[in-house]
Amino acid sequence: MRYDIITVVTGTVVDEEREIPLAQLCRACGLSVEAVAALVEEGILEPAGTRRGRWRFPADSIRRARTAVRLQRDLELNLAGVALALDLLDRVEELQARVRSVKGRGDRRHSRHGTR
């Protein structure tokens, strides 16, 4: 008897250049307005606008909020710990991008000179 393994991937496709309103962020992440407000208070999310009812978020806030929820749930971190973990993850991502950039320049240099 043969069994196939099926992997189901779900996600939300958004234009990362877009801003989304608070209600859309709440729906996309399954969070209450109060939970999002707590993420804003901790500096985890940064909305445009001064009044809660008018907040607009960069579209990548969906990914960031979902990551925050997972860190809270899986690692049992408080919001200050989540903020620190996200800052560290952002820094790792930034450093990885710099390494790729440096490697890319090195690869181009080698191919220009016929060496590898």
C-alpha atoms as a PDB file:
ATOM      1  CA  MET A   1       0.000   0.000   0.000  1.00  0.00           C
ATOM      2  CA  ARG A   2       1.353   3.437  -0.940  1.00  0.00           C
ATOM      3  CA  TYR A   3       0.715   6.632   1.020  1.00  0.00           C
ATOM      4  CA  ASP A   4       1.329  10.089  -0.361  1.00  0.00           C
ATOM      5  CA  ILE A   5       2.318  12.930   1.910  1.00  0.00           C
ATOM      6  CA  ILE A   6       0.540  16.159   1.131  1.00  0.00           C
ATOM      7  CA  THR A   7       1.794  19.473   2.427  1.00  0.00           C
ATOM      8  CA  VAL A   8      -0.744  22.262   2.620  1.00  0.00           C
ATOM      9  CA  VAL A   9       0.588  25.790   2.638  1.00  0.00           C
ATOM     10  CA  THR A  10      -1.638  28.752   3.371  1.00  0.00           C
ATOM     11  CA  GLY A  11      -0.876  32.421   3.154  1.00  0.00           C
ATOM     12  CA  THR A  12      -2.031  35.897   2.392  1.00  0.00           C
ATOM     13  CA  VAL A  13      -0.770  37.626  -0.720  1.00  0.00           C
ATOM     14  CA  VAL A  14      -0.398  41.369  -0.303  1.00  0.00           C
ATOM     15  CA  ASP A  15       1.326  44.151  -2.149  1.00  0.00           C
ATOM     16  CA  GLU A  16       4.157  44.974   0.259  1.00  0.00           C
ATOM     17  CA  GLU A  17       4.215  48.598  -0.886  1.00  0.00           C
ATOM     18  CA  ARG A  18       0.599  49.018   0.266  1.00  0.00           C
ATOM     19  CA  GLU A  19      -0.694  50.109   3.608  1.00  0.00           C
ATOM     20  CA  ILE A  20      -3.562  48.235   5.205  1.00  0.00           C
ATOM     21  CA  PRO A  21      -6.112  49.458   7.751  1.00  0.00           C
ATOM     22  CA  LEU A  22      -6.295  48.156  11.305  1.00  0.00           C
ATOM     23  CA  ALA A  23      -9.399  46.045  10.609  1.00  0.00           C
ATOM     24  CA  GLN A  24      -7.697  44.233   7.720  1.00  0.00           C
ATOM     25  CA  LEU A  25      -4.607  43.537   9.825  1.00  0.00           C
ATOM     26  CA  CYS A  26      -6.798  42.140  12.604  1.00  0.00           C
ATOM     27  CA  ARG A  27      -8.656  39.853  10.170  1.00  0.00           C
ATOM     28  CA  ALA A  28      -5.478  38.646   8.446  1.00  0.00           C
ATOM     29  CA  CYS A  29      -3.817  37.756  11.754  1.00  0.00           C
ATOM     30  CA  GLY A  30      -6.833  36.665  13.756  1.00  0.00           C
ATOM     31  CA  LEU A  31      -6.115  39.324  16.381  1.00  0.00           C
ATOM     32  CA  SER A  32      -8.358  41.695  18.278  1.00  0.00           C
ATOM     33  CA  VAL A  33      -7.910  45.448  18.083  1.00  0.00           C
ATOM     34  CA  GLU A  34      -6.651  45.349  21.676  1.00  0.00           C
ATOM     35  CA  ALA A  35      -4.021  42.724  20.816  1.00  0.00           C
ATOM     36  CA  VAL A  36      -2.765  44.833  17.891  1.00  0.00           C
ATOM     37  CA  ALA A  37      -2.738  47.910  20.145  1.00  0.00           C
ATOM     38  CA  ALA A  38      -0.542  45.998  22.611  1.00  0.00           C
ATOM     39  CA  LEU A  39       1.876  45.153  19.767  1.00  0.00           C
ATOM     40  CA  VAL A  40       1.949  48.847  18.833  1.00  0.00           C
ATOM     41  CA  GLU A  41       2.556  49.904  22.453  1.00  0.00           C
ATOM     42  CA  GLU A  42       5.534  47.532  22.649  1.00  0.00           C
ATOM     43  CA  GLY A  43       6.967  48.902  19.391  1.00  0.00           C
ATOM     44  CA  ILE A  44       6.478  45.617  17.540  1.00  0.00           C
ATOM     45  CA  LEU A  45       4.193  47.232  14.962  1.00  0.00           C
ATOM     46  CA  GLU A  46       4.406  50.829  13.790  1.00  0.00           C
ATOM     47  CA  PRO A  47       1.223  52.300  12.346  1.00  0.00           C
ATOM     48  CA  ALA A  48       0.839  55.490  10.395  1.00  0.00           C
ATOM     49  CA  GLY A  49      -1.742  57.759  11.973  1.00  0.00           C
ATOM     50  CA  THR A  50      -2.227  58.953  15.504  1.00  0.00           C
ATOM     51  CA  ARG A  51      -5.753  57.740  16.246  1.00  0.00           C
ATOM     52  CA  ARG A  52      -6.352  54.014  16.640  1.00  0.00           C
ATOM     53  CA  GLY A  53      -9.379  54.085  14.361  1.00  0.00           C
ATOM     54  CA  ARG A  54      -7.269  55.629  11.584  1.00  0.00           C
ATOM     55  CA  TRP A  55      -4.166  53.440  11.928  1.00  0.00           C
ATOM     56  CA  ARG A  56      -2.686  52.104   8.703  1.00  0.00           C
ATOM     57  CA  PHE A  57       0.101  49.533   8.670  1.00  0.00           C
ATOM     58  CA  PRO A  58       2.725  48.537   6.118  1.00  0.00           C
ATOM     59  CA  ALA A  59       1.545  45.305   4.475  1.00  0.00           C
ATOM     60  CA  ASP A  60       4.523  43.374   5.892  1.00  0.00           C
ATOM     61  CA  SER A  61       3.005  43.998   9.339  1.00  0.00           C
ATOM     62  CA  ILE A  62       0.891  40.896   8.715  1.00  0.00           C
ATOM     63  CA  ARG A  63       4.010  38.720   8.657  1.00  0.00           C
ATOM     64  CA  ARG A  64       5.481  40.530  11.650  1.00  0.00           C
ATOM     65  CA  ALA A  65       2.286  40.235  13.734  1.00  0.00           C
ATOM     66  CA  ARG A  66       1.917  36.539  12.895  1.00  0.00           C
ATOM     67  CA  THR A  67       5.545  35.942  13.887  1.00  0.00           C
ATOM     68  CA  ALA A  68       4.940  37.815  17.145  1.00  0.00           C
ATOM     69  CA  VAL A  69       1.934  35.608  17.913  1.00  0.00           C
ATOM     70  CA  ARG A  70       3.945  32.443  17.207  1.00  0.00           C
ATOM     71  CA  LEU A  71       6.818  33.610  19.432  1.00  0.00           C
ATOM     72  CA  GLN A  72       4.383  34.382  22.223  1.00  0.00           C
ATOM     73  CA  ARG A  73       2.579  31.065  21.881  1.00  0.00           C
ATOM     74  CA  ASP A  74       5.454  28.692  21.129  1.00  0.00           C
ATOM     75  CA  LEU A  75       8.171  30.195  23.327  1.00  0.00           C
ATOM     76  CA  GLU A  76       5.836  31.669  25.937  1.00  0.00           C
ATOM     77  CA  LEU A  77       7.497  35.075  25.608  1.00  0.00           C
ATOM     78  CA  ASN A  78       5.990  38.253  26.974  1.00  0.00           C
ATOM     79  CA  LEU A  79       5.675  41.205  24.577  1.00  0.00           C
ATOM     80  CA  ALA A  80       9.028  42.685  25.602  1.00  0.00           C
ATOM     81  CA  GLY A  81      10.662  39.330  24.805  1.00  0.00           C
ATOM     82  CA  VAL A  82       8.809  39.166  21.491  1.00  0.00           C
ATOM     83  CA  ALA A  83      10.041  42.673  20.604  1.00  0.00           C
ATOM     84  CA  LEU A  84      13.621  41.684  21.394  1.00  0.00           C
ATOM     85  CA  ALA A  85      13.373  38.421  19.445  1.00  0.00           C
ATOM     86  CA  LEU A  86      11.923  40.231  16.411  1.00  0.00           C
ATOM     87  CA  ASP A  87      14.694  42.841  16.534  1.00  0.00           C
ATOM     88  CA  LEU A  88      17.274  40.044  16.603  1.00  0.00           C
ATOM     89  CA  LEU A  89      15.561  38.212  13.728  1.00  0.00           C
ATOM     90  CA  ASP A  90      15.524  41.457  11.720  1.00  0.00           C
ATOM     91  CA  ARG A  91      19.248  41.905  12.391  1.00  0.00           C
ATOM     92  CA  VAL A  92      20.005  38.317  11.308  1.00  0.00           C
ATOM     93  CA  GLU A  93      18.023  38.872   8.101  1.00  0.00           C
ATOM     94  CA  GLU A  94      19.923  42.107   7.444  1.00  0.00           C
ATOM     95  CA  LEU A  95      23.295  40.409   7.995  1.00  0.00           C
ATOM     96  CA  GLN A  96      22.339  37.501   5.727  1.00  0.00           C
ATOM     97  CA  ALA A  97      21.429  39.985   2.991  1.00  0.00           C
ATOM     98  CA  ARG A  98      24.800  41.707   3.390  1.00  0.00           C
ATOM     99  CA  VAL A  99      26.633  38.366   3.158  1.00  0.00           C
ATOM    100  CA  ARG A 100      24.700  37.489  -0.018  1.00  0.00           C
ATOM    101  CA  SER A 101      25.566  40.890  -1.449  1.00  0.00           C
ATOM    102  CA  VAL A 102      29.264  40.485  -0.691  1.00  0.00           C
ATOM    103  CA  LYS A 103      29.256  36.955  -2.114  1.00  0.00           C
ATOM    104  CA  GLY A 104      27.482  38.228  -5.241  1.00  0.00           C
ATOM    105  CA  ARG A 105      30.141  40.891  -5.782  1.00  0.00           C
ATOM    106  CA  GLY A 106      32.849  38.279  -5.311  1.00  0.00           C
ATOM    107  CA  ASP A 107      31.193  35.933  -7.807  1.00  0.00           C
ATOM    108  CA  ARG A 108      30.942  38.724 -10.392  1.00  0.00           C
ATOM    109  CA  ARG A 109      34.592  39.642  -9.831  1.00  0.00           C
ATOM    110  CA  HIS A 110      35.699  36.047 -10.382  1.00  0.00           C
ATOM    111  CA  SER A 111      33.609  35.605 -13.533  1.00  0.00           C
ATOM    112  CA  ARG A 112      34.966  38.859 -14.992  1.00  0.00           C
ATOM    113  CA  HIS A 113      38.533  37.650 -14.575  1.00  0.00           C
ATOM    114  CA  GLY A 114      37.813  34.124 -15.736  1.00  0.00           C
ATOM    115  CA  THR A 115      38.570  32.606 -12.333  1.00  0.00           C
ATOM    116  CA  ARG A 116      36.424  30.739  -9.991  1.00  0.00           C
END
